[in-house]
Structures are given as structure tokens and as C-alpha cells.
């Protein structure tokens, strides 16, 4: 069984992973040694990005 991440049809602009059937928010990149990427088809992805940006903003204000 192949990982859906390896299927090029699940990428928008050949960069952003977008697969509604894959319930994972973080998925391994096609080149596994490059780490992970977001599944932009899942609503939780946008919440996670918003929380991360909020934390970065709050910590940058204290410097």
C-alpha cells in the first residue's frame, strides 16, 4: 500500500498537499528526509497555523 502523500494528484501547484480523504494534519513530505508538511484540506491545519503564528507574535513582542 502506498502513502497518499506520494500521489502527485493530491498537490496544488505541485507544492501544497490537499487531500480530503487523508485525515492527518501533518504528513511526511514526498522526500521523507525533508520533514513534514501540512494537509491543507483539513480545517485543523488552519487552526494549528493560527496558533503557531499567534505564539510567534506574542513571543516576539517580549523581545
C-alpha atoms as a PDB file:
ATOM      1  CA  UNK A   1       0.000   0.000   0.000  1.00  0.00           C
ATOM      2  CA  UNK A   2       1.405   3.373  -0.984  1.00  0.00           C
ATOM      3  CA  UNK A   3       1.109   6.515   1.068  1.00  0.00           C
ATOM      4  CA  UNK A   4      -1.271   9.097  -0.494  1.00  0.00           C
ATOM      5  CA  UNK A   5       1.476  11.685   0.001  1.00  0.00           C
ATOM      6  CA  UNK A   6       3.359  10.080  -2.881  1.00  0.00           C
ATOM      7  CA  UNK A   7       0.488  10.685  -5.336  1.00  0.00           C
ATOM      8  CA  UNK A   8       1.045  13.923  -7.273  1.00  0.00           C
ATOM      9  CA  UNK A   9      -2.700  14.409  -7.802  1.00  0.00           C
ATOM     10  CA  UNK A  10      -3.012  15.434  -4.132  1.00  0.00           C
ATOM     11  CA  UNK A  11      -0.843  18.513  -4.575  1.00  0.00           C
ATOM     12  CA  UNK A  12      -1.975  22.010  -5.512  1.00  0.00           C
ATOM     13  CA  UNK A  13       0.533  23.950  -7.591  1.00  0.00           C
ATOM     14  CA  UNK A  14       2.826  20.948  -7.078  1.00  0.00           C
ATOM     15  CA  UNK A  15       3.624  22.308  -3.594  1.00  0.00           C
ATOM     16  CA  UNK A  16       0.656  22.255  -1.187  1.00  0.00           C
ATOM     17  CA  UNK A  17      -0.688  18.874  -0.074  1.00  0.00           C
ATOM     18  CA  UNK A  18      -4.505  18.839  -0.268  1.00  0.00           C
ATOM     19  CA  UNK A  19      -6.282  15.521   0.335  1.00  0.00           C
ATOM     20  CA  UNK A  20      -9.730  15.455   1.990  1.00  0.00           C
ATOM     21  CA  UNK A  21      -9.600  11.678   2.418  1.00  0.00           C
ATOM     22  CA  UNK A  22      -6.357  11.843   4.428  1.00  0.00           C
ATOM     23  CA  UNK A  23      -7.339  12.838   7.982  1.00  0.00           C
ATOM     24  CA  UNK A  24      -3.793  13.663   9.089  1.00  0.00           C
ATOM     25  CA  UNK A  25      -2.932  17.318   9.665  1.00  0.00           C
ATOM     26  CA  UNK A  26       0.825  16.808   9.445  1.00  0.00           C
ATOM     27  CA  UNK A  27       2.003  14.439   6.745  1.00  0.00           C
ATOM     28  CA  UNK A  28       5.518  13.447   5.688  1.00  0.00           C
ATOM     29  CA  UNK A  29       6.847  15.233   2.645  1.00  0.00           C
ATOM     30  CA  UNK A  30       7.381  13.312  -0.568  1.00  0.00           C
ATOM     31  CA  UNK A  31      11.103  13.373   0.176  1.00  0.00           C
ATOM     32  CA  UNK A  32      10.848  11.945   3.707  1.00  0.00           C
ATOM     33  CA  UNK A  33      14.189  13.360   4.871  1.00  0.00           C
ATOM     34  CA  UNK A  34      12.832  16.926   4.425  1.00  0.00           C
ATOM     35  CA  UNK A  35      10.389  16.511   7.306  1.00  0.00           C
ATOM     36  CA  UNK A  36       6.661  17.189   7.361  1.00  0.00           C
ATOM     37  CA  UNK A  37       4.114  19.385   5.635  1.00  0.00           C
ATOM     38  CA  UNK A  38       0.510  20.374   6.291  1.00  0.00           C
ATOM     39  CA  UNK A  39      -2.573  18.788   4.760  1.00  0.00           C
ATOM     40  CA  UNK A  40      -4.429  21.936   3.723  1.00  0.00           C
ATOM     41  CA  UNK A  41      -7.678  20.022   3.157  1.00  0.00           C
ATOM     42  CA  UNK A  42      -8.173  19.634   6.921  1.00  0.00           C
ATOM     43  CA  UNK A  43      -9.678  22.532   8.920  1.00  0.00           C
ATOM     44  CA  UNK A  44      -7.417  21.727  11.861  1.00  0.00           C
ATOM     45  CA  UNK A  45      -4.447  22.752   9.749  1.00  0.00           C
ATOM     46  CA  UNK A  46      -5.585  26.364   9.659  1.00  0.00           C
ATOM     47  CA  UNK A  47      -6.210  26.356  13.411  1.00  0.00           C
ATOM     48  CA  UNK A  48      -2.718  24.979  14.040  1.00  0.00           C
ATOM     49  CA  UNK A  49      -1.136  27.591  11.768  1.00  0.00           C
ATOM     50  CA  UNK A  50      -3.114  30.362  13.508  1.00  0.00           C
ATOM     51  CA  UNK A  51      -1.977  29.167  16.954  1.00  0.00           C
ATOM     52  CA  UNK A  52       1.647  28.969  15.814  1.00  0.00           C
ATOM     53  CA  UNK A  53       1.515  32.464  14.317  1.00  0.00           C
ATOM     54  CA  UNK A  54      -0.137  33.823  17.468  1.00  0.00           C
ATOM     55  CA  UNK A  55       2.594  32.302  19.642  1.00  0.00           C
ATOM     56  CA  UNK A  56       5.316  33.734  17.410  1.00  0.00           C
ATOM     57  CA  UNK A  57       3.683  37.143  17.552  1.00  0.00           C
ATOM     58  CA  UNK A  58       3.342  37.071  21.341  1.00  0.00           C
ATOM     59  CA  UNK A  59       6.919  35.921  21.934  1.00  0.00           C
ATOM     60  CA  UNK A  60       8.335  38.486  19.512  1.00  0.00           C
ATOM     61  CA  UNK A  61       6.652  41.312  21.439  1.00  0.00           C
ATOM     62  CA  UNK A  62       8.584  40.484  24.626  1.00  0.00           C
ATOM     63  CA  UNK A  63      11.981  40.959  22.984  1.00  0.00           C
END
